[in-house]
Each structure stands twice: as C-alpha cells, then as structure tokens.
C-alpha cells in the first residue's frame, strides 16, 4: 500500500502566519471592545472555530456596548468583514517556511496527493494560499468552515480521506501541534 497522500496543516506548519493573525484579531478587538489581548490569550480564548466564531465570542464576552449585544449578528458580520480586509491588506507579514515550496513540489512530482486541513475559515485560507503562491499544490483543501467538529476532532481528515478514496493508513498528517 504505502503513503498516497500527505495532509498538511497551514498556520505554523507551512506558513508563518501567527503574527498576522494576532495583529488582525487585536485590530478588531481594539475597535469593538477597546481591549488588546496577548499572543498567549488569543489562541486559548478565541481559536477553535473559524474567524467568525472567535469574533462572535469576542463581542459577546468583552463588548460593554448594549447596542452591540442587542444587534450581535450585524456587528459580527461587520467585524468579520473588517478582519478579512485587514488580514489581506497586511498579509505581507506572513511568510512560507523555508523549503516548503520545494517540499510540496517534490511530493507532487512523486505522485502523492496533497491535502490541506486547517482550522482557518475559507476566506483567510484562500487569501493565504493565494498571497503565498501555494494554492496550486493542493488536491483538496478542508477548512474550519467545512466541518461541524473543529480541531482537534478528525472530521476534516476523514473528509479528505473519503473524497480521495483513501484508507487512514494511506495518508500521513504533518502539523505543528
């Protein structure tokens, strides 16, 4: 049998994006709640579901404005759109780790399927892959928007295997955590 597919995580594995993510999140946090969060606080408080879920939680927990809380869906949508805009405009802070493009090219040349499973949402994933010139490497991309049960659950990995018609022992996962 052997390995037929390599599944990669995105943030912290193939791309250095944490600074951009934290900066984008704090831009929204300051604007909507007047607070900044440390790099240690952001993942523990707001990571899990894609960006919309983290921003909704931010506004629900830390907004002191009753107008925001009474119209939460409107403010979440507005904040998420601002997050995406800020994230894209400042994407030059993100970098591909050295050797990643060469590794992906080598694996593709060897005939392996390449997949991406990330907790990010579709929009930020698309921005990152496009801006870093990585989108053409992957046969399938599964984001946090594509699953009901987010990381660390394996729903995204199962979707990849099912879509590609592979058994679990025919794939390997490369990630940072």
N, C-alpha and C. Protein backbone atom coordinates (compact mmCIF):
# COMPACT_ATOMS: atom_id res chain seq x y z
N UNK A 1 0.82 -1.19 0.00
CA UNK A 1 0.00 0.00 0.00
C UNK A 1 0.86 1.25 0.00
N UNK A 2 1.34 1.66 1.15
CA UNK A 2 2.17 2.85 1.27
C UNK A 2 1.37 4.13 1.35
N UNK A 3 2.10 5.21 1.56
CA UNK A 3 1.50 6.54 1.69
C UNK A 3 1.14 7.06 0.31
N UNK A 4 -0.10 7.51 0.16
CA UNK A 4 -0.58 8.08 -1.10
C UNK A 4 -0.94 9.55 -0.98
N UNK A 5 -1.02 10.03 0.26
CA UNK A 5 -1.44 11.41 0.50
C UNK A 5 -0.73 11.98 1.71
N UNK A 6 -0.32 13.24 1.60
CA UNK A 6 0.23 13.97 2.74
C UNK A 6 -0.74 15.11 3.03
N UNK A 7 -1.24 15.14 4.27
CA UNK A 7 -2.18 16.16 4.72
C UNK A 7 -1.39 17.16 5.57
N UNK A 8 -1.44 18.42 5.18
CA UNK A 8 -0.72 19.47 5.90
C UNK A 8 -1.68 20.36 6.65
N UNK A 9 -1.22 20.87 7.79
CA UNK A 9 -1.86 22.00 8.47
C UNK A 9 -1.28 23.25 7.80
N UNK A 10 -1.91 24.39 7.99
CA UNK A 10 -1.44 25.62 7.36
C UNK A 10 -0.63 26.48 8.32
N UNK A 11 -1.30 27.05 9.30
CA UNK A 11 -0.66 28.00 10.22
C UNK A 11 0.34 27.30 11.12
N UNK A 12 1.57 27.78 11.09
CA UNK A 12 2.61 27.20 11.93
C UNK A 12 3.24 25.96 11.35
N UNK A 13 2.75 25.48 10.21
CA UNK A 13 3.31 24.29 9.58
C UNK A 13 3.92 24.62 8.23
N UNK A 14 3.12 25.18 7.33
CA UNK A 14 3.69 25.57 6.03
C UNK A 14 3.86 27.08 5.93
N UNK A 15 3.17 27.82 6.78
CA UNK A 15 3.28 29.28 6.72
C UNK A 15 3.39 29.89 8.11
N UNK A 16 4.20 30.92 8.19
CA UNK A 16 4.35 31.71 9.43
C UNK A 16 3.28 32.80 9.38
N UNK A 17 2.17 32.56 10.04
CA UNK A 17 1.04 33.48 9.98
C UNK A 17 0.60 34.00 11.34
N UNK A 18 1.16 33.48 12.41
CA UNK A 18 0.67 33.85 13.74
C UNK A 18 0.71 35.35 14.00
N UNK A 19 1.79 36.01 13.62
CA UNK A 19 1.88 37.46 13.86
C UNK A 19 0.73 38.18 13.17
N UNK A 20 0.46 37.81 11.92
CA UNK A 20 -0.63 38.42 11.17
C UNK A 20 -1.98 38.12 11.81
N UNK A 21 -2.21 36.89 12.23
CA UNK A 21 -3.48 36.52 12.86
C UNK A 21 -3.68 37.31 14.15
N UNK A 22 -2.66 37.36 15.00
CA UNK A 22 -2.78 38.07 16.27
C UNK A 22 -3.00 39.57 16.04
N UNK A 23 -2.28 40.14 15.10
CA UNK A 23 -2.42 41.56 14.80
C UNK A 23 -3.82 41.87 14.25
N UNK A 24 -4.30 41.02 13.36
CA UNK A 24 -5.64 41.22 12.79
C UNK A 24 -6.71 41.10 13.87
N UNK A 25 -6.56 40.11 14.73
CA UNK A 25 -7.53 39.92 15.81
C UNK A 25 -7.53 41.11 16.75
N UNK A 26 -6.34 41.58 17.12
CA UNK A 26 -6.27 42.73 18.03
C UNK A 26 -6.78 44.01 17.39
N UNK A 27 -6.65 44.14 16.09
CA UNK A 27 -7.23 45.29 15.40
C UNK A 27 -8.74 45.32 15.64
N UNK A 28 -9.39 44.17 15.48
CA UNK A 28 -10.84 44.07 15.70
C UNK A 28 -11.17 44.22 17.18
N UNK A 29 -10.40 43.59 18.04
CA UNK A 29 -10.65 43.66 19.48
C UNK A 29 -10.59 45.10 19.98
N UNK A 30 -9.57 45.83 19.56
CA UNK A 30 -9.45 47.23 19.99
C UNK A 30 -10.60 48.08 19.47
N UNK A 31 -10.95 47.87 18.21
CA UNK A 31 -12.00 48.68 17.60
C UNK A 31 -13.36 48.43 18.26
N UNK A 32 -13.67 47.17 18.55
CA UNK A 32 -15.00 46.82 19.02
C UNK A 32 -15.12 46.68 20.53
N UNK A 33 -14.01 46.49 21.24
CA UNK A 33 -14.10 46.32 22.69
C UNK A 33 -13.16 47.23 23.47
N UNK A 34 -12.23 47.88 22.76
CA UNK A 34 -11.25 48.72 23.45
C UNK A 34 -10.16 47.94 24.15
N UNK A 35 -10.07 46.65 23.89
CA UNK A 35 -9.08 45.78 24.55
C UNK A 35 -8.09 45.23 23.56
N UNK A 36 -6.91 44.93 24.07
CA UNK A 36 -5.89 44.15 23.33
C UNK A 36 -5.67 42.87 24.11
N UNK A 37 -5.28 41.84 23.40
CA UNK A 37 -5.03 40.55 24.03
C UNK A 37 -3.60 40.12 23.71
N UNK A 38 -3.00 39.40 24.64
CA UNK A 38 -1.64 38.90 24.42
C UNK A 38 -1.67 37.74 23.43
N UNK A 39 -0.51 37.45 22.87
CA UNK A 39 -0.41 36.32 21.94
C UNK A 39 -0.76 35.00 22.61
N UNK A 40 -0.62 34.92 23.91
CA UNK A 40 -0.98 33.71 24.64
C UNK A 40 -2.48 33.64 24.87
N UNK A 41 -3.12 34.77 25.07
CA UNK A 41 -4.56 34.80 25.34
C UNK A 41 -5.39 34.48 24.09
N UNK A 42 -4.97 34.97 22.95
CA UNK A 42 -5.79 34.85 21.74
C UNK A 42 -6.09 33.39 21.40
N UNK A 43 -5.10 32.49 21.30
CA UNK A 43 -5.45 31.10 20.96
C UNK A 43 -6.33 30.44 22.02
N UNK A 44 -6.03 30.67 23.29
CA UNK A 44 -6.78 29.98 24.33
C UNK A 44 -8.22 30.50 24.43
N UNK A 45 -8.45 31.76 24.12
CA UNK A 45 -9.79 32.32 24.21
C UNK A 45 -10.60 32.19 22.92
N UNK A 46 -9.94 32.32 21.78
CA UNK A 46 -10.71 32.54 20.55
C UNK A 46 -10.44 31.56 19.42
N UNK A 47 -9.42 30.70 19.53
CA UNK A 47 -9.19 29.75 18.44
C UNK A 47 -10.09 28.55 18.63
N UNK A 48 -10.32 27.83 17.57
CA UNK A 48 -11.21 26.67 17.56
C UNK A 48 -12.02 26.77 16.30
N UNK A 49 -13.21 27.38 16.40
CA UNK A 49 -13.96 27.60 15.17
C UNK A 49 -13.28 28.67 14.32
N UNK A 50 -13.64 28.78 13.04
CA UNK A 50 -13.04 29.81 12.19
C UNK A 50 -13.27 31.23 12.73
N UNK A 51 -12.77 32.20 12.01
CA UNK A 51 -12.73 33.59 12.46
C UNK A 51 -14.07 34.11 12.97
N UNK A 52 -15.14 33.81 12.28
CA UNK A 52 -16.44 34.32 12.71
C UNK A 52 -16.78 33.87 14.13
N UNK A 53 -16.48 32.62 14.45
CA UNK A 53 -16.76 32.11 15.79
C UNK A 53 -15.94 32.81 16.86
N UNK A 54 -14.65 33.06 16.57
CA UNK A 54 -13.81 33.77 17.53
C UNK A 54 -14.23 35.21 17.71
N UNK A 55 -14.62 35.86 16.64
CA UNK A 55 -15.05 37.26 16.72
C UNK A 55 -16.40 37.37 17.43
N UNK A 56 -17.29 36.43 17.17
CA UNK A 56 -18.58 36.42 17.89
C UNK A 56 -18.33 36.27 19.39
N UNK A 57 -17.45 35.36 19.76
CA UNK A 57 -17.13 35.15 21.18
C UNK A 57 -16.52 36.41 21.79
N UNK A 58 -15.62 37.06 21.04
CA UNK A 58 -15.01 38.31 21.49
C UNK A 58 -16.08 39.34 21.81
N UNK A 59 -17.00 39.57 20.88
CA UNK A 59 -18.02 40.59 21.08
C UNK A 59 -18.98 40.22 22.21
N UNK A 60 -19.34 38.95 22.31
CA UNK A 60 -20.26 38.53 23.36
C UNK A 60 -19.63 38.66 24.75
N UNK A 61 -18.35 38.33 24.86
CA UNK A 61 -17.70 38.33 26.17
C UNK A 61 -17.16 39.68 26.60
N UNK A 62 -16.73 40.50 25.64
CA UNK A 62 -15.98 41.68 26.02
C UNK A 62 -16.57 43.02 25.57
N UNK A 63 -17.67 42.99 24.85
CA UNK A 63 -18.29 44.25 24.47
C UNK A 63 -19.13 44.77 25.63
N UNK A 64 -18.93 46.03 25.96
CA UNK A 64 -19.73 46.63 27.03
C UNK A 64 -20.84 47.50 26.45
N UNK A 65 -20.96 47.48 25.13
CA UNK A 65 -21.95 48.29 24.43
C UNK A 65 -23.22 47.47 24.23
N UNK A 66 -24.31 47.87 24.88
CA UNK A 66 -25.57 47.13 24.75
C UNK A 66 -26.07 47.12 23.32
N UNK A 67 -25.78 48.16 22.54
CA UNK A 67 -26.18 48.21 21.14
C UNK A 67 -25.55 47.05 20.36
N UNK A 68 -24.28 46.76 20.67
CA UNK A 68 -23.59 45.65 20.02
C UNK A 68 -24.24 44.33 20.42
N UNK A 69 -24.47 44.16 21.70
CA UNK A 69 -25.04 42.90 22.19
C UNK A 69 -26.46 42.67 21.68
N UNK A 70 -27.24 43.73 21.52
CA UNK A 70 -28.61 43.60 21.04
C UNK A 70 -28.66 43.34 19.53
N UNK A 71 -27.62 43.71 18.81
CA UNK A 71 -27.55 43.52 17.36
C UNK A 71 -26.30 42.71 17.00
N UNK A 72 -26.08 41.63 17.74
CA UNK A 72 -24.83 40.89 17.65
C UNK A 72 -24.54 40.39 16.24
N UNK A 73 -25.54 39.88 15.53
CA UNK A 73 -25.29 39.35 14.19
C UNK A 73 -24.77 40.43 13.24
N UNK A 74 -25.36 41.61 13.31
CA UNK A 74 -24.91 42.73 12.48
C UNK A 74 -23.46 43.09 12.79
N UNK A 75 -23.14 43.19 14.07
CA UNK A 75 -21.79 43.59 14.45
C UNK A 75 -20.76 42.50 14.17
N UNK A 76 -21.14 41.26 14.32
CA UNK A 76 -20.23 40.16 13.99
C UNK A 76 -19.93 40.20 12.49
N UNK A 77 -20.95 40.35 11.68
CA UNK A 77 -20.73 40.40 10.23
C UNK A 77 -19.82 41.57 9.85
N UNK A 78 -20.06 42.71 10.44
CA UNK A 78 -19.24 43.89 10.16
C UNK A 78 -17.79 43.66 10.61
N UNK A 79 -17.62 43.14 11.82
CA UNK A 79 -16.27 42.90 12.36
C UNK A 79 -15.53 41.85 11.55
N UNK A 80 -16.22 40.79 11.13
CA UNK A 80 -15.59 39.74 10.34
C UNK A 80 -15.11 40.30 9.01
N UNK A 81 -15.94 41.10 8.36
CA UNK A 81 -15.54 41.70 7.09
C UNK A 81 -14.34 42.62 7.26
N UNK A 82 -14.30 43.36 8.34
CA UNK A 82 -13.13 44.22 8.62
C UNK A 82 -11.89 43.37 8.91
N UNK A 83 -12.09 42.25 9.61
CA UNK A 83 -10.99 41.33 9.87
C UNK A 83 -10.38 40.84 8.56
N UNK A 84 -11.24 40.39 7.65
CA UNK A 84 -10.76 39.89 6.35
C UNK A 84 -10.00 40.97 5.60
N UNK A 85 -10.53 42.16 5.59
CA UNK A 85 -9.88 43.27 4.88
C UNK A 85 -8.51 43.57 5.48
N UNK A 86 -8.44 43.66 6.80
CA UNK A 86 -7.18 43.93 7.48
C UNK A 86 -6.18 42.80 7.22
N UNK A 87 -6.66 41.57 7.32
CA UNK A 87 -5.83 40.39 7.13
C UNK A 87 -5.20 40.40 5.73
N UNK A 88 -6.00 40.71 4.72
CA UNK A 88 -5.49 40.71 3.35
C UNK A 88 -4.53 41.88 3.11
N UNK A 89 -4.87 43.05 3.59
CA UNK A 89 -4.02 44.24 3.38
C UNK A 89 -2.66 44.11 4.07
N UNK A 90 -2.61 43.36 5.14
CA UNK A 90 -1.38 43.22 5.93
C UNK A 90 -0.71 41.86 5.77
N UNK A 91 -1.09 41.13 4.73
CA UNK A 91 -0.61 39.76 4.56
C UNK A 91 0.88 39.66 4.30
N UNK A 92 1.53 40.76 3.99
CA UNK A 92 2.98 40.72 3.76
C UNK A 92 3.75 40.31 5.02
N UNK A 93 3.08 40.29 6.16
CA UNK A 93 3.70 39.84 7.41
C UNK A 93 3.80 38.31 7.48
N UNK A 94 3.03 37.62 6.64
CA UNK A 94 3.05 36.16 6.60
C UNK A 94 4.11 35.69 5.61
N UNK A 95 4.73 34.58 5.91
CA UNK A 95 5.79 34.01 5.06
C UNK A 95 5.63 32.49 5.00
N UNK A 96 6.08 31.94 3.88
CA UNK A 96 6.17 30.49 3.76
C UNK A 96 7.46 30.06 4.46
N UNK A 97 7.40 28.98 5.22
CA UNK A 97 8.62 28.47 5.85
C UNK A 97 9.62 28.07 4.77
N UNK A 98 10.90 28.26 5.04
CA UNK A 98 11.92 27.87 4.05
C UNK A 98 11.81 26.39 3.68
N UNK A 99 11.91 26.12 2.39
CA UNK A 99 11.91 24.75 1.90
C UNK A 99 10.53 24.15 1.66
N UNK A 100 9.48 24.84 2.05
CA UNK A 100 8.12 24.28 1.91
C UNK A 100 7.73 24.13 0.45
N UNK A 101 7.92 25.16 -0.35
CA UNK A 101 7.52 25.06 -1.76
C UNK A 101 8.29 23.95 -2.46
N UNK A 102 9.55 23.81 -2.15
CA UNK A 102 10.35 22.74 -2.74
C UNK A 102 9.85 21.37 -2.29
N UNK A 103 9.49 21.26 -1.03
CA UNK A 103 8.97 20.00 -0.50
C UNK A 103 7.65 19.64 -1.16
N UNK A 104 6.75 20.61 -1.28
CA UNK A 104 5.46 20.36 -1.92
C UNK A 104 5.65 19.96 -3.38
N UNK A 105 6.55 20.64 -4.07
CA UNK A 105 6.84 20.30 -5.48
C UNK A 105 7.39 18.88 -5.59
N UNK A 106 8.30 18.52 -4.70
CA UNK A 106 8.89 17.18 -4.70
C UNK A 106 7.81 16.11 -4.49
N UNK A 107 6.95 16.33 -3.51
CA UNK A 107 5.90 15.35 -3.21
C UNK A 107 4.92 15.21 -4.38
N UNK A 108 4.55 16.34 -5.00
CA UNK A 108 3.67 16.29 -6.18
C UNK A 108 4.35 15.53 -7.32
N UNK A 109 5.62 15.81 -7.52
CA UNK A 109 6.38 15.15 -8.59
C UNK A 109 6.44 13.63 -8.36
N UNK A 110 6.44 13.22 -7.11
CA UNK A 110 6.46 11.79 -6.77
C UNK A 110 5.07 11.15 -6.91
N UNK A 111 4.07 11.95 -7.26
CA UNK A 111 2.73 11.41 -7.49
C UNK A 111 1.84 11.33 -6.26
N UNK A 112 2.26 11.94 -5.17
CA UNK A 112 1.44 11.93 -3.97
C UNK A 112 0.34 12.98 -4.06
N UNK A 113 -0.81 12.68 -3.48
CA UNK A 113 -1.88 13.65 -3.33
C UNK A 113 -1.49 14.55 -2.16
N UNK A 114 -1.76 15.83 -2.31
CA UNK A 114 -1.51 16.78 -1.23
C UNK A 114 -2.83 17.39 -0.78
N UNK A 115 -3.02 17.43 0.52
CA UNK A 115 -4.25 17.97 1.09
C UNK A 115 -3.89 18.98 2.16
N UNK A 116 -4.82 19.88 2.42
CA UNK A 116 -4.66 20.88 3.47
C UNK A 116 -5.87 20.80 4.37
N UNK A 117 -5.63 20.70 5.67
CA UNK A 117 -6.70 20.74 6.67
C UNK A 117 -6.33 21.79 7.69
N UNK A 118 -7.09 22.87 7.73
CA UNK A 118 -6.82 23.98 8.62
C UNK A 118 -8.06 24.38 9.38
N UNK A 119 -7.86 24.93 10.56
CA UNK A 119 -8.97 25.46 11.34
C UNK A 119 -9.42 26.83 10.86
N UNK A 120 -8.61 27.48 10.03
CA UNK A 120 -9.00 28.77 9.46
C UNK A 120 -10.27 28.63 8.65
N UNK A 121 -10.93 29.73 8.42
CA UNK A 121 -12.07 29.74 7.53
C UNK A 121 -11.64 29.76 6.07
N UNK A 122 -12.61 29.57 5.18
CA UNK A 122 -12.32 29.53 3.73
C UNK A 122 -11.68 30.82 3.23
N UNK A 123 -12.18 31.95 3.69
CA UNK A 123 -11.70 33.22 3.14
C UNK A 123 -10.25 33.47 3.51
N UNK A 124 -9.89 33.34 4.79
CA UNK A 124 -8.49 33.59 5.17
C UNK A 124 -7.57 32.51 4.62
N UNK A 125 -8.05 31.29 4.51
CA UNK A 125 -7.24 30.23 3.89
C UNK A 125 -6.95 30.59 2.44
N UNK A 126 -7.98 31.00 1.72
CA UNK A 126 -7.82 31.38 0.32
C UNK A 126 -6.85 32.55 0.16
N UNK A 127 -6.97 33.54 1.02
CA UNK A 127 -6.07 34.69 0.98
C UNK A 127 -4.63 34.23 1.17
N UNK A 128 -4.40 33.41 2.19
CA UNK A 128 -3.04 32.96 2.50
C UNK A 128 -2.47 32.11 1.37
N UNK A 129 -3.23 31.16 0.87
CA UNK A 129 -2.72 30.31 -0.21
C UNK A 129 -2.41 31.13 -1.46
N UNK A 130 -3.29 32.07 -1.79
CA UNK A 130 -3.08 32.90 -2.99
C UNK A 130 -1.90 33.84 -2.81
N UNK A 131 -1.85 34.54 -1.69
CA UNK A 131 -0.79 35.53 -1.46
C UNK A 131 0.59 34.88 -1.36
N UNK A 132 0.64 33.63 -0.88
CA UNK A 132 1.92 32.95 -0.73
C UNK A 132 2.24 32.03 -1.92
N UNK A 133 1.36 32.01 -2.92
CA UNK A 133 1.61 31.20 -4.11
C UNK A 133 1.58 29.70 -3.85
N UNK A 134 0.65 29.26 -3.01
CA UNK A 134 0.58 27.85 -2.63
C UNK A 134 -0.67 27.13 -3.13
N UNK A 135 -1.62 27.86 -3.68
CA UNK A 135 -2.92 27.28 -3.98
C UNK A 135 -2.85 26.13 -4.99
N UNK A 136 -1.92 26.14 -5.90
CA UNK A 136 -1.86 25.12 -6.95
C UNK A 136 -1.31 23.77 -6.48
N UNK A 137 -0.78 23.73 -5.28
CA UNK A 137 -0.19 22.48 -4.79
C UNK A 137 -1.22 21.47 -4.29
N UNK A 138 -2.37 21.93 -3.82
CA UNK A 138 -3.26 21.05 -3.07
C UNK A 138 -4.40 20.49 -3.91
N UNK A 139 -4.59 19.17 -3.78
CA UNK A 139 -5.67 18.48 -4.46
C UNK A 139 -7.00 18.72 -3.77
N UNK A 140 -6.95 18.96 -2.47
CA UNK A 140 -8.16 19.23 -1.69
C UNK A 140 -7.77 20.12 -0.51
N UNK A 141 -8.65 21.05 -0.19
CA UNK A 141 -8.48 21.94 0.96
C UNK A 141 -9.75 21.87 1.79
N UNK A 142 -9.60 21.51 3.05
CA UNK A 142 -10.71 21.48 4.00
C UNK A 142 -10.40 22.50 5.09
N UNK A 143 -11.34 23.42 5.30
CA UNK A 143 -11.16 24.48 6.30
C UNK A 143 -12.10 24.27 7.48
N UNK A 144 -11.97 25.12 8.45
CA UNK A 144 -12.88 25.09 9.59
C UNK A 144 -14.33 25.33 9.20
N UNK A 145 -14.55 26.00 8.06
CA UNK A 145 -15.92 26.23 7.57
C UNK A 145 -16.55 24.96 7.00
N UNK A 146 -15.72 23.97 6.69
CA UNK A 146 -16.20 22.74 6.04
C UNK A 146 -16.56 21.63 7.03
N UNK A 147 -16.34 21.87 8.31
CA UNK A 147 -16.59 20.82 9.30
C UNK A 147 -17.51 21.34 10.41
N UNK A 148 -18.20 20.42 11.01
CA UNK A 148 -19.04 20.75 12.17
C UNK A 148 -18.21 20.69 13.44
N UNK A 149 -17.33 19.69 13.49
CA UNK A 149 -16.50 19.47 14.68
C UNK A 149 -15.07 19.90 14.35
N UNK A 150 -14.65 21.00 14.93
CA UNK A 150 -13.35 21.60 14.63
C UNK A 150 -12.21 20.83 15.31
N UNK A 151 -11.01 21.19 14.90
CA UNK A 151 -9.83 20.59 15.51
C UNK A 151 -9.96 20.69 17.03
N UNK A 152 -9.56 19.68 17.74
CA UNK A 152 -8.74 18.54 17.38
C UNK A 152 -9.51 17.34 16.84
N UNK A 153 -10.81 17.48 16.60
CA UNK A 153 -11.57 16.37 16.04
C UNK A 153 -11.08 16.07 14.63
N UNK A 154 -11.24 14.85 14.21
CA UNK A 154 -10.69 14.41 12.93
C UNK A 154 -11.65 14.46 11.76
N UNK A 155 -12.76 15.20 11.89
CA UNK A 155 -13.75 15.24 10.81
C UNK A 155 -13.13 15.71 9.49
N UNK A 156 -12.26 16.71 9.53
CA UNK A 156 -11.64 17.22 8.31
C UNK A 156 -10.75 16.18 7.65
N UNK A 157 -10.02 15.45 8.44
CA UNK A 157 -9.15 14.39 7.91
C UNK A 157 -10.00 13.30 7.26
N UNK A 158 -11.09 12.94 7.92
CA UNK A 158 -12.00 11.92 7.35
C UNK A 158 -12.57 12.41 6.03
N UNK A 159 -12.94 13.68 5.93
CA UNK A 159 -13.47 14.22 4.66
C UNK A 159 -12.43 14.12 3.55
N UNK A 160 -11.20 14.42 3.89
CA UNK A 160 -10.12 14.32 2.89
C UNK A 160 -9.98 12.88 2.42
N UNK A 161 -9.88 11.95 3.36
CA UNK A 161 -9.72 10.53 3.00
C UNK A 161 -10.89 10.04 2.17
N UNK A 162 -12.11 10.39 2.58
CA UNK A 162 -13.30 9.95 1.85
C UNK A 162 -13.32 10.53 0.43
N UNK A 163 -13.01 11.81 0.30
CA UNK A 163 -13.03 12.47 -1.01
C UNK A 163 -12.00 11.85 -1.95
N UNK A 164 -10.83 11.54 -1.41
CA UNK A 164 -9.76 10.97 -2.23
C UNK A 164 -9.82 9.45 -2.34
N UNK A 165 -10.78 8.84 -1.62
CA UNK A 165 -10.93 7.39 -1.68
C UNK A 165 -9.77 6.64 -1.04
N UNK A 166 -9.27 7.17 0.07
CA UNK A 166 -8.11 6.58 0.73
C UNK A 166 -8.46 5.98 2.09
N UNK A 167 -7.65 5.02 2.51
CA UNK A 167 -7.75 4.45 3.85
C UNK A 167 -6.84 5.25 4.78
N UNK A 168 -7.10 5.24 6.07
CA UNK A 168 -6.28 6.01 7.01
C UNK A 168 -4.78 5.68 6.94
N UNK A 169 -4.44 4.42 6.67
CA UNK A 169 -3.01 4.07 6.62
C UNK A 169 -2.33 4.46 5.30
N UNK A 170 -3.08 5.14 4.43
CA UNK A 170 -2.53 5.60 3.16
C UNK A 170 -2.23 7.11 3.19
N UNK A 171 -2.36 7.71 4.35
CA UNK A 171 -2.11 9.15 4.49
C UNK A 171 -1.29 9.42 5.74
N UNK A 172 -0.60 10.54 5.68
CA UNK A 172 0.17 10.99 6.83
C UNK A 172 -0.17 12.46 7.05
N UNK A 173 -0.22 12.88 8.31
CA UNK A 173 -0.57 14.24 8.67
C UNK A 173 0.69 14.96 9.15
N UNK A 174 0.91 16.15 8.62
CA UNK A 174 2.05 16.99 9.02
C UNK A 174 1.48 18.25 9.64
N UNK A 175 1.77 18.46 10.92
CA UNK A 175 1.25 19.64 11.62
C UNK A 175 2.20 20.09 12.70
N UNK A 176 1.85 21.18 13.34
CA UNK A 176 2.71 21.77 14.36
C UNK A 176 2.25 21.46 15.77
N UNK A 177 1.04 20.96 15.94
CA UNK A 177 0.57 20.67 17.29
C UNK A 177 -0.37 19.49 17.28
